[in-house]
C-alpha atoms as a PDB file:
ATOM      1  CA  UNK A   1      95.968 -77.748 104.649  1.00  0.00           C
ATOM      2  CA  UNK A   2      94.419 -81.168 104.993  1.00  0.00           C
ATOM      3  CA  UNK A   3      97.511 -82.936 103.676  1.00  0.00           C
ATOM      4  CA  UNK A   4      99.830 -81.115 106.103  1.00  0.00           C
ATOM      5  CA  UNK A   5      97.718 -82.191 109.077  1.00  0.00           C
ATOM      6  CA  UNK A   6      97.570 -85.823 107.955  1.00  0.00           C
ATOM      7  CA  UNK A   7     101.317 -85.989 107.511  1.00  0.00           C
ATOM      8  CA  UNK A   8     101.928 -84.507 110.927  1.00  0.00           C
ATOM      9  CA  UNK A   9      99.769 -86.891 112.923  1.00  0.00           C
ATOM     10  CA  UNK A  10     100.094 -90.061 110.876  1.00  0.00           C
ATOM     11  CA  UNK A  11     102.951 -91.291 113.023  1.00  0.00           C
ATOM     12  CA  UNK A  12     101.098 -90.713 116.274  1.00  0.00           C
ATOM     13  CA  UNK A  13      98.204 -93.133 115.823  1.00  0.00           C
ATOM     14  CA  UNK A  14      96.259 -95.089 113.276  1.00  0.00           C
ATOM     15  CA  UNK A  15      93.753 -92.611 111.912  1.00  0.00           C
ATOM     16  CA  UNK A  16      91.778 -94.914 109.654  1.00  0.00           C
ATOM     17  CA  UNK A  17      89.323 -93.946 106.962  1.00  0.00           C
ATOM     18  CA  UNK A  18      86.327 -94.305 109.268  1.00  0.00           C
ATOM     19  CA  UNK A  19      87.128 -91.235 111.319  1.00  0.00           C
ATOM     20  CA  UNK A  20      84.091 -90.137 113.281  1.00  0.00           C
ATOM     21  CA  UNK A  21      80.349 -90.505 113.794  1.00  0.00           C
ATOM     22  CA  UNK A  22      77.351 -88.348 114.368  1.00  0.00           C
ATOM     23  CA  UNK A  23      76.131 -88.116 117.922  1.00  0.00           C
ATOM     24  CA  UNK A  24      72.917 -86.295 117.247  1.00  0.00           C
ATOM     25  CA  UNK A  25      70.162 -87.801 115.135  1.00  0.00           C
ATOM     26  CA  UNK A  26      69.602 -87.330 111.413  1.00  0.00           C
ATOM     27  CA  UNK A  27      66.175 -85.771 111.832  1.00  0.00           C
ATOM     28  CA  UNK A  28      66.838 -82.884 109.440  1.00  0.00           C
ATOM     29  CA  UNK A  29      67.261 -85.280 106.548  1.00  0.00           C
ATOM     30  CA  UNK A  30      64.081 -87.119 107.511  1.00  0.00           C
ATOM     31  CA  UNK A  31      61.982 -83.964 107.733  1.00  0.00           C
ATOM     32  CA  UNK A  32      62.824 -82.632 104.289  1.00  0.00           C
ATOM     33  CA  UNK A  33      65.494 -79.938 104.695  1.00  0.00           C
ATOM     34  CA  UNK A  34      68.447 -82.322 104.683  1.00  0.00           C
ATOM     35  CA  UNK A  35      69.932 -84.826 102.240  1.00  0.00           C
ATOM     36  CA  UNK A  36      68.846 -88.381 103.069  1.00  0.00           C
ATOM     37  CA  UNK A  37      71.715 -89.895 101.059  1.00  0.00           C
ATOM     38  CA  UNK A  38      74.250 -88.646 103.615  1.00  0.00           C
ATOM     39  CA  UNK A  39      72.079 -89.613 106.600  1.00  0.00           C
ATOM     40  CA  UNK A  40      72.676 -92.781 108.602  1.00  0.00           C
ATOM     41  CA  UNK A  41      72.072 -95.715 106.278  1.00  0.00           C
ATOM     42  CA  UNK A  42      72.200 -93.483 103.215  1.00  0.00           C
ATOM     43  CA  UNK A  43      74.195 -94.330 100.094  1.00  0.00           C
ATOM     44  CA  UNK A  44      76.807 -91.636 100.756  1.00  0.00           C
ATOM     45  CA  UNK A  45      77.017 -91.883 104.545  1.00  0.00           C
ATOM     46  CA  UNK A  46      80.210 -93.889 104.935  1.00  0.00           C
ATOM     47  CA  UNK A  47      82.267 -91.847 102.457  1.00  0.00           C
ATOM     48  CA  UNK A  48      81.539 -88.447 104.019  1.00  0.00           C
ATOM     49  CA  UNK A  49      84.959 -88.177 105.664  1.00  0.00           C
ATOM     50  CA  UNK A  50      86.962 -88.905 102.519  1.00  0.00           C
ATOM     51  CA  UNK A  51      84.767 -86.643 100.410  1.00  0.00           C
ATOM     52  CA  UNK A  52      84.929 -83.783 102.921  1.00  0.00           C
ATOM     53  CA  UNK A  53      88.730 -84.036 102.898  1.00  0.00           C
ATOM     54  CA  UNK A  54      88.644 -82.962  99.227  1.00  0.00           C
ATOM     55  CA  UNK A  55      86.913 -79.677 100.059  1.00  0.00           C
ATOM     56  CA  UNK A  56      88.346 -76.282 100.982  1.00  0.00           C
ATOM     57  CA  UNK A  57      90.378 -73.626  99.190  1.00  0.00           C
ATOM     58  CA  UNK A  58      93.842 -73.279  97.693  1.00  0.00           C
ATOM     59  CA  UNK A  59      94.447 -69.918  99.386  1.00  0.00           C
ATOM     60  CA  UNK A  60      97.531 -69.290 101.484  1.00  0.00           C
ATOM     61  CA  UNK A  61      96.994 -69.483 105.238  1.00  0.00           C
ATOM     62  CA  UNK A  62      94.874 -66.535 106.333  1.00  0.00           C
ATOM     63  CA  UNK A  63      94.753 -64.941 102.877  1.00  0.00           C
ATOM     64  CA  UNK A  64      91.574 -63.353 101.492  1.00  0.00           C
ATOM     65  CA  UNK A  65      89.778 -63.184  99.148  1.00  0.00           C
ATOM     66  CA  UNK A  66      89.437 -66.927  98.732  1.00  0.00           C
ATOM     67  CA  UNK A  67      87.036 -69.323  97.065  1.00  0.00           C
ATOM     68  CA  UNK A  68      86.024 -72.277  99.228  1.00  0.00           C
ATOM     69  CA  UNK A  69      84.869 -75.469  97.556  1.00  0.00           C
ATOM     70  CA  UNK A  70      82.231 -77.152  99.698  1.00  0.00           C
ATOM     71  CA  UNK A  71      79.573 -79.865  99.543  1.00  0.00           C
ATOM     72  CA  UNK A  72      77.107 -77.736  97.560  1.00  0.00           C
ATOM     73  CA  UNK A  73      79.387 -75.729  95.308  1.00  0.00           C
ATOM     74  CA  UNK A  74      81.886 -72.900  95.694  1.00  0.00           C
ATOM     75  CA  UNK A  75      81.628 -69.759  97.803  1.00  0.00           C
ATOM     76  CA  UNK A  76      83.807 -66.680  97.406  1.00  0.00           C
ATOM     77  CA  UNK A  77      84.771 -64.889 100.601  1.00  0.00           C
ATOM     78  CA  UNK A  78      86.080 -61.377  99.973  1.00  0.00           C
ATOM     79  CA  UNK A  79      87.456 -60.889 103.481  1.00  0.00           C
ATOM     80  CA  UNK A  80      87.866 -62.706 106.767  1.00  0.00           C
ATOM     81  CA  UNK A  81      84.357 -63.283 108.180  1.00  0.00           C
ATOM     82  CA  UNK A  82      83.449 -61.454 111.375  1.00  0.00           C
ATOM     83  CA  UNK A  83      79.767 -62.308 111.872  1.00  0.00           C
ATOM     84  CA  UNK A  84      79.356 -66.059 111.669  1.00  0.00           C
ATOM     85  CA  UNK A  85      76.184 -68.117 112.070  1.00  0.00           C
ATOM     86  CA  UNK A  86      76.613 -71.839 112.782  1.00  0.00           C
ATOM     87  CA  UNK A  87      73.789 -74.279 112.155  1.00  0.00           C
ATOM     88  CA  UNK A  88      74.828 -77.211 114.373  1.00  0.00           C
ATOM     89  CA  UNK A  89      76.858 -78.084 117.461  1.00  0.00           C
ATOM     90  CA  UNK A  90      79.876 -79.298 115.487  1.00  0.00           C
ATOM     91  CA  UNK A  91      80.302 -75.982 113.730  1.00  0.00           C
ATOM     92  CA  UNK A  92      79.758 -74.178 117.052  1.00  0.00           C
ATOM     93  CA  UNK A  93      82.490 -76.215 118.746  1.00  0.00           C
ATOM     94  CA  UNK A  94      84.872 -75.701 115.824  1.00  0.00           C
ATOM     95  CA  UNK A  95      84.408 -71.949 115.545  1.00  0.00           C
ATOM     96  CA  UNK A  96      84.837 -71.468 119.296  1.00  0.00           C
ATOM     97  CA  UNK A  97      87.959 -73.650 119.236  1.00  0.00           C
ATOM     98  CA  UNK A  98      89.432 -71.168 116.763  1.00  0.00           C
ATOM     99  CA  UNK A  99      88.769 -68.299 119.177  1.00  0.00           C
ATOM    100  CA  UNK A 100      85.806 -66.874 117.275  1.00  0.00           C
ATOM    101  CA  UNK A 101      82.387 -66.346 118.859  1.00  0.00           C
ATOM    102  CA  UNK A 102      79.546 -66.743 116.349  1.00  0.00           C
ATOM    103  CA  UNK A 103      76.618 -64.338 116.392  1.00  0.00           C
ATOM    104  CA  UNK A 104      74.008 -67.071 115.903  1.00  0.00           C
ATOM    105  CA  UNK A 105      73.616 -70.833 116.308  1.00  0.00           C
ATOM    106  CA  UNK A 106      71.216 -73.683 115.677  1.00  0.00           C
ATOM    107  CA  UNK A 107      70.408 -75.830 118.707  1.00  0.00           C
ATOM    108  CA  UNK A 108      69.903 -79.572 119.174  1.00  0.00           C
ATOM    109  CA  UNK A 109      66.856 -81.100 120.813  1.00  0.00           C
ATOM    110  CA  UNK A 110      69.177 -82.589 123.417  1.00  0.00           C
ATOM    111  CA  UNK A 111      70.456 -79.138 124.397  1.00  0.00           C
ATOM    112  CA  UNK A 112      69.074 -76.003 125.966  1.00  0.00           C
ATOM    113  CA  UNK A 113      70.854 -73.169 124.212  1.00  0.00           C
ATOM    114  CA  UNK A 114      74.649 -73.343 124.394  1.00  0.00           C
ATOM    115  CA  UNK A 115      75.973 -76.814 125.327  1.00  0.00           C
ATOM    116  CA  UNK A 116      77.043 -76.790 128.970  1.00  0.00           C
ATOM    117  CA  UNK A 117      80.661 -77.663 128.203  1.00  0.00           C
ATOM    118  CA  UNK A 118      80.945 -74.549 126.008  1.00  0.00           C
ATOM    119  CA  UNK A 119      79.163 -72.149 128.361  1.00  0.00           C
ATOM    120  CA  UNK A 120      82.337 -70.362 129.448  1.00  0.00           C
ATOM    121  CA  UNK A 121      83.338 -69.723 125.819  1.00  0.00           C
ATOM    122  CA  UNK A 122      79.956 -68.854 124.324  1.00  0.00           C
ATOM    123  CA  UNK A 123      78.374 -65.692 125.619  1.00  0.00           C
ATOM    124  CA  UNK A 124      75.669 -63.724 123.812  1.00  0.00           C
ATOM    125  CA  UNK A 125      75.116 -66.107 120.907  1.00  0.00           C
ATOM    126  CA  UNK A 126      71.597 -65.796 119.533  1.00  0.00           C
ATOM    127  CA  UNK A 127      69.625 -69.008 118.829  1.00  0.00           C
ATOM    128  CA  UNK A 128      68.334 -69.266 115.257  1.00  0.00           C
ATOM    129  CA  UNK A 129      66.029 -72.232 115.755  1.00  0.00           C
ATOM    130  CA  UNK A 130      66.641 -75.951 116.041  1.00  0.00           C
ATOM    131  CA  UNK A 131      69.027 -77.702 113.683  1.00  0.00           C
ATOM    132  CA  UNK A 132      66.027 -79.215 111.909  1.00  0.00           C
ATOM    133  CA  UNK A 133      63.806 -76.120 112.238  1.00  0.00           C
ATOM    134  CA  UNK A 134      66.004 -73.184 111.296  1.00  0.00           C
ATOM    135  CA  UNK A 135      64.527 -69.693 111.463  1.00  0.00           C
ATOM    136  CA  UNK A 136      65.745 -67.935 108.317  1.00  0.00           C
ATOM    137  CA  UNK A 137      64.343 -64.587 109.421  1.00  0.00           C
ATOM    138  CA  UNK A 138      66.296 -64.784 112.666  1.00  0.00           C
ATOM    139  CA  UNK A 139      69.453 -65.617 110.715  1.00  0.00           C
ATOM    140  CA  UNK A 140      68.954 -62.670 108.353  1.00  0.00           C
ATOM    141  CA  UNK A 141      68.428 -60.244 111.248  1.00  0.00           C
ATOM    142  CA  UNK A 142      71.896 -61.063 112.541  1.00  0.00           C
ATOM    143  CA  UNK A 143      73.452 -59.793 109.278  1.00  0.00           C
ATOM    144  CA  UNK A 144      76.015 -62.595 109.051  1.00  0.00           C
ATOM    145  CA  UNK A 145      78.922 -62.531 106.619  1.00  0.00           C
ATOM    146  CA  UNK A 146      79.317 -66.331 106.774  1.00  0.00           C
ATOM    147  CA  UNK A 147      76.934 -69.224 107.438  1.00  0.00           C
ATOM    148  CA  UNK A 148      78.352 -72.655 108.260  1.00  0.00           C
ATOM    149  CA  UNK A 149      76.168 -75.750 107.960  1.00  0.00           C
ATOM    150  CA  UNK A 150      75.844 -79.162 106.327  1.00  0.00           C
ATOM    151  CA  UNK A 151      73.954 -81.009 103.615  1.00  0.00           C
ATOM    152  CA  UNK A 152      72.553 -83.326 106.271  1.00  0.00           C
ATOM    153  CA  UNK A 153      70.863 -80.501 108.117  1.00  0.00           C
ATOM    154  CA  UNK A 154      70.055 -77.871 105.500  1.00  0.00           C
ATOM    155  CA  UNK A 155      70.594 -79.176 101.979  1.00  0.00           C
ATOM    156  CA  UNK A 156      67.331 -77.773 100.631  1.00  0.00           C
ATOM    157  CA  UNK A 157      67.815 -74.416 102.371  1.00  0.00           C
ATOM    158  CA  UNK A 158      71.147 -73.679 100.720  1.00  0.00           C
ATOM    159  CA  UNK A 159      69.785 -71.238  98.137  1.00  0.00           C
ATOM    160  CA  UNK A 160      67.865 -69.275 100.764  1.00  0.00           C
ATOM    161  CA  UNK A 161      70.807 -69.265 103.149  1.00  0.00           C
ATOM    162  CA  UNK A 162      73.164 -68.146 100.378  1.00  0.00           C
ATOM    163  CA  UNK A 163      70.812 -65.254  99.625  1.00  0.00           C
ATOM    164  CA  UNK A 164      71.359 -64.097 103.221  1.00  0.00           C
ATOM    165  CA  UNK A 165      75.151 -64.509 103.351  1.00  0.00           C
ATOM    166  CA  UNK A 166      78.020 -66.539 101.858  1.00  0.00           C
ATOM    167  CA  UNK A 167      77.354 -70.122 102.937  1.00  0.00           C
ATOM    168  CA  UNK A 168      79.758 -73.053 103.267  1.00  0.00           C
ATOM    169  CA  UNK A 169      78.322 -76.545 103.646  1.00  0.00           C
ATOM    170  CA  UNK A 170      80.050 -79.685 104.835  1.00  0.00           C
ATOM    171  CA  UNK A 171      78.541 -83.060 103.952  1.00  0.00           C
ATOM    172  CA  UNK A 172      77.421 -84.025 107.452  1.00  0.00           C
ATOM    173  CA  UNK A 173      78.407 -83.583 111.089  1.00  0.00           C
ATOM    174  CA  UNK A 174      79.635 -86.501 113.166  1.00  0.00           C
ATOM    175  CA  UNK A 175      82.185 -89.008 111.984  1.00  0.00           C
ATOM    176  CA  UNK A 176      83.985 -86.556 109.644  1.00  0.00           C
ATOM    177  CA  UNK A 177      84.458 -84.101 112.524  1.00  0.00           C
ATOM    178  CA  UNK A 178      88.144 -83.501 111.810  1.00  0.00           C
ATOM    179  CA  UNK A 179      87.555 -82.856 108.116  1.00  0.00           C
ATOM    180  CA  UNK A 180      84.565 -80.667 109.008  1.00  0.00           C
ATOM    181  CA  UNK A 181      86.755 -78.667 111.375  1.00  0.00           C
ATOM    182  CA  UNK A 182      89.374 -78.099 108.681  1.00  0.00           C
ATOM    183  CA  UNK A 183      86.661 -76.865 106.310  1.00  0.00           C
ATOM    184  CA  UNK A 184      85.375 -74.470 108.993  1.00  0.00           C
ATOM    185  CA  UNK A 185      88.922 -73.238 109.563  1.00  0.00           C
ATOM    186  CA  UNK A 186      89.498 -72.778 105.832  1.00  0.00           C
ATOM    187  CA  UNK A 187      86.360 -70.643 105.628  1.00  0.00           C
ATOM    188  CA  UNK A 188      87.675 -68.458 108.444  1.00  0.00           C
ATOM    189  CA  UNK A 189      91.309 -68.243 107.325  1.00  0.00           C
ATOM    190  CA  UNK A 190      92.479 -70.113 110.425  1.00  0.00           C
ATOM    191  CA  UNK A 191      94.154 -73.093 108.786  1.00  0.00           C
ATOM    192  CA  UNK A 192      97.372 -73.059 110.810  1.00  0.00           C
ATOM    193  CA  UNK A 193      95.535 -72.868 114.123  1.00  0.00           C
ATOM    194  CA  UNK A 194      93.252 -75.744 113.154  1.00  0.00           C
ATOM    195  CA  UNK A 195      96.217 -77.915 112.200  1.00  0.00           C
ATOM    196  CA  UNK A 196      97.849 -77.265 115.563  1.00  0.00           C
ATOM    197  CA  UNK A 197      94.633 -78.045 117.455  1.00  0.00           C
ATOM    198  CA  UNK A 198      94.252 -81.385 115.676  1.00  0.00           C
ATOM    199  CA  UNK A 199      97.888 -82.251 116.324  1.00  0.00           C
ATOM    200  CA  UNK A 200      97.408 -81.377 120.005  1.00  0.00           C
ATOM    201  CA  UNK A 201      94.318 -83.596 120.106  1.00  0.00           C
ATOM    202  CA  UNK A 202      96.157 -86.602 118.674  1.00  0.00           C
ATOM    203  CA  UNK A 203      99.087 -86.149 121.041  1.00  0.00           C
ATOM    204  CA  UNK A 204      96.625 -86.070 123.926  1.00  0.00           C
ATOM    205  CA  UNK A 205      94.893 -89.234 122.660  1.00  0.00           C
ATOM    206  CA  UNK A 206      98.231 -91.018 122.538  1.00  0.00           C
ATOM    207  CA  UNK A 207      99.013 -89.797 126.055  1.00  0.00           C
ATOM    208  CA  UNK A 208      95.706 -91.156 127.378  1.00  0.00           C
ATOM    209  CA  UNK A 209      96.405 -94.574 125.858  1.00  0.00           C
ATOM    210  CA  UNK A 210      99.819 -94.680 127.557  1.00  0.00           C
ATOM    211  CA  UNK A 211      98.117 -94.283 130.936  1.00  0.00           C
ATOM    212  CA  UNK A 212      95.490 -96.993 130.474  1.00  0.00           C
ATOM    213  CA  UNK A 213      96.396-100.417 131.802  1.00  0.00           C
ATOM    214  CA  UNK A 214      95.834-103.106 129.204  1.00  0.00           C
ATOM    215  CA  UNK A 215      93.288-102.796 126.401  1.00  0.00           C
ATOM    216  CA  UNK A 216      89.815-102.839 127.934  1.00  0.00           C
ATOM    217  CA  UNK A 217      86.898-103.077 125.518  1.00  0.00           C
ATOM    218  CA  UNK A 218      84.763 -99.935 125.592  1.00  0.00           C
ATOM    219  CA  UNK A 219      80.990-100.190 125.242  1.00  0.00           C
ATOM    220  CA  UNK A 220      78.961 -97.096 124.326  1.00  0.00           C
ATOM    221  CA  UNK A 221      75.265 -96.997 125.153  1.00  0.00           C
ATOM    222  CA  UNK A 222      72.967 -94.108 124.335  1.00  0.00           C
ATOM    223  CA  UNK A 223      69.344 -93.974 125.360  1.00  0.00           C
ATOM    224  CA  UNK A 224      67.105 -91.994 123.029  1.00  0.00           C
ATOM    225  CA  UNK A 225      63.366 -91.514 122.970  1.00  0.00           C
ATOM    226  CA  UNK A 226      61.872 -94.799 121.709  1.00  0.00           C
ATOM    227  CA  UNK A 227      65.244 -96.486 121.082  1.00  0.00           C
ATOM    228  CA  UNK A 228      68.538 -97.647 122.552  1.00  0.00           C
ATOM    229  CA  UNK A 229      71.736 -97.360 120.531  1.00  0.00           C
ATOM    230  CA  UNK A 230      75.103 -99.055 120.852  1.00  0.00           C
ATOM    231  CA  UNK A 231      77.540 -96.786 119.046  1.00  0.00           C
ATOM    232  CA  UNK A 232      79.912 -98.081 116.399  1.00  0.00           C
ATOM    233  CA  UNK A 233      83.144 -96.846 114.854  1.00  0.00           C
ATOM    234  CA  UNK A 234      81.513 -94.270 112.568  1.00  0.00           C
ATOM    235  CA  UNK A 235      80.593 -92.030 115.468  1.00  0.00           C
ATOM    236  CA  UNK A 236      82.277 -89.061 117.122  1.00  0.00           C
ATOM    237  CA  UNK A 237      83.111 -91.058 120.241  1.00  0.00           C
ATOM    238  CA  UNK A 238      83.899 -94.152 118.160  1.00  0.00           C
ATOM    239  CA  UNK A 239      86.577 -92.186 116.339  1.00  0.00           C
ATOM    240  CA  UNK A 240      88.067 -90.909 119.566  1.00  0.00           C
ATOM    241  CA  UNK A 241      88.386 -94.486 120.821  1.00  0.00           C
ATOM    242  CA  UNK A 242      90.042 -95.456 117.527  1.00  0.00           C
ATOM    243  CA  UNK A 243      92.489 -92.571 117.844  1.00  0.00           C
ATOM    244  CA  UNK A 244      93.362 -93.643 121.378  1.00  0.00           C
ATOM    245  CA  UNK A 245      93.692 -97.266 120.281  1.00  0.00           C
ATOM    246  CA  UNK A 246      91.073 -98.789 122.578  1.00  0.00           C
ATOM    247  CA  UNK A 247      89.134-101.832 121.323  1.00  0.00           C
ATOM    248  CA  UNK A 248      85.370-102.247 121.144  1.00  0.00           C
ATOM    249  CA  UNK A 249      83.127-105.197 121.966  1.00  0.00           C
ATOM    250  CA  UNK A 250      82.667-107.281 118.820  1.00  0.00           C
ATOM    251  CA  UNK A 251      79.039-106.269 118.329  1.00  0.00           C
ATOM    252  CA  UNK A 252      80.022-102.573 118.372  1.00  0.00           C
ATOM    253  CA  UNK A 253      83.165-102.933 116.270  1.00  0.00           C
ATOM    254  CA  UNK A 254      81.240-102.032 113.126  1.00  0.00           C
ATOM    255  CA  UNK A 255      81.671 -99.487 110.345  1.00  0.00           C
ATOM    256  CA  UNK A 256      78.307 -97.947 111.160  1.00  0.00           C
ATOM    257  CA  UNK A 257      77.032 -95.123 113.328  1.00  0.00           C
ATOM    258  CA  UNK A 258      75.188 -97.389 115.738  1.00  0.00           C
ATOM    259  CA  UNK A 259      73.262-100.584 116.340  1.00  0.00           C
ATOM    260  CA  UNK A 260      69.773-100.398 117.821  1.00  0.00           C
ATOM    261  CA  UNK A 261      68.861-102.912 120.525  1.00  0.00           C
ATOM    262  CA  UNK A 262      65.779-103.599 122.605  1.00  0.00           C
ATOM    263  CA  UNK A 263      65.633-103.531 126.378  1.00  0.00           C
ATOM    264  CA  UNK A 264      65.439-107.327 126.293  1.00  0.00           C
ATOM    265  CA  UNK A 265      68.715-107.491 124.350  1.00  0.00           C
ATOM    266  CA  UNK A 266      70.649-105.039 126.508  1.00  0.00           C
ATOM    267  CA  UNK A 267      73.104-107.871 127.173  1.00  0.00           C
ATOM    268  CA  UNK A 268      74.738-106.830 123.888  1.00  0.00           C
ATOM    269  CA  UNK A 269      75.860-103.659 125.675  1.00  0.00           C
ATOM    270  CA  UNK A 270      78.429-105.508 127.774  1.00  0.00           C
ATOM    271  CA  UNK A 271      82.099-104.588 127.744  1.00  0.00           C
ATOM    272  CA  UNK A 272      85.063-104.270 130.075  1.00  0.00           C
ATOM    273  CA  UNK A 273      83.908-100.670 130.528  1.00  0.00           C
ATOM    274  CA  UNK A 274      80.409 -99.357 129.815  1.00  0.00           C
ATOM    275  CA  UNK A 275      79.718 -95.656 129.242  1.00  0.00           C
ATOM    276  CA  UNK A 276      76.136 -94.478 128.812  1.00  0.00           C
ATOM    277  CA  UNK A 277      74.010 -91.343 128.486  1.00  0.00           C
ATOM    278  CA  UNK A 278      70.608 -90.103 127.376  1.00  0.00           C
ATOM    279  CA  UNK A 279      69.832 -87.790 124.485  1.00  0.00           C
ATOM    280  CA  UNK A 280      67.792 -85.102 126.216  1.00  0.00           C
ATOM    281  CA  UNK A 281      66.137 -85.747 129.556  1.00  0.00           C
ATOM    282  CA  UNK A 282      66.518 -89.297 130.952  1.00  0.00           C
ATOM    283  CA  UNK A 283      62.811 -89.477 131.765  1.00  0.00           C
ATOM    284  CA  UNK A 284      62.042 -89.271 128.042  1.00  0.00           C
ATOM    285  CA  UNK A 285      64.094 -92.416 127.408  1.00  0.00           C
ATOM    286  CA  UNK A 286      64.330 -95.943 128.809  1.00  0.00           C
ATOM    287  CA  UNK A 287      67.506 -95.123 130.759  1.00  0.00           C
ATOM    288  CA  UNK A 288      66.073 -95.313 134.268  1.00  0.00           C
ATOM    289  CA  UNK A 289      64.140 -98.491 133.510  1.00  0.00           C
ATOM    290  CA  UNK A 290      67.126-100.232 131.966  1.00  0.00           C
ATOM    291  CA  UNK A 291      69.871 -99.261 134.435  1.00  0.00           C
ATOM    292  CA  UNK A 292      67.665-100.289 137.358  1.00  0.00           C
ATOM    293  CA  UNK A 293      66.745-103.602 135.731  1.00  0.00           C
ATOM    294  CA  UNK A 294      68.152-107.056 136.355  1.00  0.00           C
ATOM    295  CA  UNK A 295      69.534-107.498 132.831  1.00  0.00           C
ATOM    296  CA  UNK A 296      71.667-104.354 133.130  1.00  0.00           C
ATOM    297  CA  UNK A 297      72.873-105.311 136.582  1.00  0.00           C
ATOM    298  CA  UNK A 298      73.936-108.705 135.203  1.00  0.00           C
ATOM    299  CA  UNK A 299      76.382-107.139 132.728  1.00  0.00           C
ATOM    300  CA  UNK A 300      79.985-107.965 133.635  1.00  0.00           C
ATOM    301  CA  UNK A 301      81.029-104.313 133.305  1.00  0.00           C
ATOM    302  CA  UNK A 302      78.305-103.270 135.727  1.00  0.00           C
ATOM    303  CA  UNK A 303      79.071-106.064 138.204  1.00  0.00           C
ATOM    304  CA  UNK A 304      82.748-105.095 138.242  1.00  0.00           C
ATOM    305  CA  UNK A 305      81.898-101.439 138.868  1.00  0.00           C
ATOM    306  CA  UNK A 306      83.277-100.344 135.503  1.00  0.00           C
ATOM    307  CA  UNK A 307      80.221 -98.430 134.355  1.00  0.00           C
ATOM    308  CA  UNK A 308      79.835 -94.668 134.118  1.00  0.00           C
ATOM    309  CA  UNK A 309      77.150 -92.227 133.072  1.00  0.00           C
ATOM    310  CA  UNK A 310      78.642 -89.456 130.912  1.00  0.00           C
ATOM    311  CA  UNK A 311      77.666 -86.026 129.601  1.00  0.00           C
ATOM    312  CA  UNK A 312      75.732 -86.543 126.360  1.00  0.00           C
ATOM    313  CA  UNK A 313      76.464 -82.998 125.207  1.00  0.00           C
ATOM    314  CA  UNK A 314      80.168 -83.791 125.237  1.00  0.00           C
ATOM    315  CA  UNK A 315      80.440 -87.443 124.239  1.00  0.00           C
ATOM    316  CA  UNK A 316      77.758 -87.495 121.555  1.00  0.00           C
ATOM    317  CA  UNK A 317      76.939 -83.886 120.661  1.00  0.00           C
ATOM    318  CA  UNK A 318      80.381 -82.270 120.992  1.00  0.00           C
ATOM    319  CA  UNK A 319      81.378 -83.080 117.406  1.00  0.00           C
ATOM    320  CA  UNK A 320      84.420 -80.781 117.455  1.00  0.00           C
ATOM    321  CA  UNK A 321      87.906 -80.374 118.947  1.00  0.00           C
ATOM    322  CA  UNK A 322      86.760 -78.892 122.272  1.00  0.00           C
ATOM    323  CA  UNK A 323      84.317 -81.743 122.814  1.00  0.00           C
ATOM    324  CA  UNK A 324      86.965 -84.253 121.746  1.00  0.00           C
ATOM    325  CA  UNK A 325      89.487 -82.927 124.270  1.00  0.00           C
ATOM    326  CA  UNK A 326      86.851 -82.959 127.018  1.00  0.00           C
ATOM    327  CA  UNK A 327      86.021 -86.573 126.143  1.00  0.00           C
ATOM    328  CA  UNK A 328      89.702 -87.505 126.357  1.00  0.00           C
ATOM    329  CA  UNK A 329      89.841 -85.912 129.807  1.00  0.00           C
ATOM    330  CA  UNK A 330      86.843 -87.981 130.895  1.00  0.00           C
ATOM    331  CA  UNK A 331      88.293 -91.198 129.521  1.00  0.00           C
ATOM    332  CA  UNK A 332      91.593 -90.620 131.282  1.00  0.00           C
ATOM    333  CA  UNK A 333      89.803 -89.890 134.555  1.00  0.00           C
ATOM    334  CA  UNK A 334      87.596 -92.988 134.459  1.00  0.00           C
ATOM    335  CA  UNK A 335      89.977 -95.515 132.898  1.00  0.00           C
ATOM    336  CA  UNK A 336      92.955 -94.676 135.099  1.00  0.00           C
ATOM    337  CA  UNK A 337      91.157 -94.196 138.421  1.00  0.00           C
ATOM    338  CA  UNK A 338      92.394 -96.316 141.304  1.00  0.00           C
ATOM    339  CA  UNK A 339      89.911 -99.028 142.290  1.00  0.00           C
END
């Protein structure tokens, strides 16, 4: 499954080994339920995409039963799952992209229930706690026949989750979003559909690049409570920019999730185009202070009018094919608009 997709899109764009990055934080790993080694800065962070690509099953497309190899072992699925619980926004996006509505979902601190960009596709999904504060009782009450999560979020809960229902774990959400999506699809017997969706995504990325004049550097700024991040190549949005073929400012052209900067050093956020957002409500971050300050207004991208606030739920929390397509739509709109 994975190899067929790679062969199909390899000629469309340079995929690279550093595929995608996590938009949400790694709080679950810090608070004890997750695996710190796959968190940002962890020993196994940068290899999560390549390692996830090794996971999945050898079953024929859509065939059950199947045994799915995943980040925490192997899980046998006797039949195609019908009641799925997803533990993070990436799994939610992926399952919905495959035309399946999960019965339960974990939510991010930067979201209120279903992400706004998925509202039309996600009706009646029951929350099962935050991604770092999962409610196992609520999950059990939904009587799922498949739980989809990650080591980053719920490593130490795997045994308890598996006692509720067959559980498949990726390594982490974020920069391995394509590999994560293929693992989700494998668990649901939707391999062919997933391959087509990823091919469609790459064709769209190539189309967007053909419409952009020149090669403007793209700066990504995300305001979070108590910190400001400039996002690197190992991020969801960083991967999308790589797939399009758009360059990054030198300071952001790094094989990391992000670089933290102070308000006084916001000059490092400059680029031909600057896109920014806040994780959660802007008033809980330094966004308003910074964007109304003299240092921000002195940035060349700001002075030239090439600065845009974007939807954090899409650009940084989407973490799946629907979010990726929506981000491509945004990039085309902003980068090709007439001055």
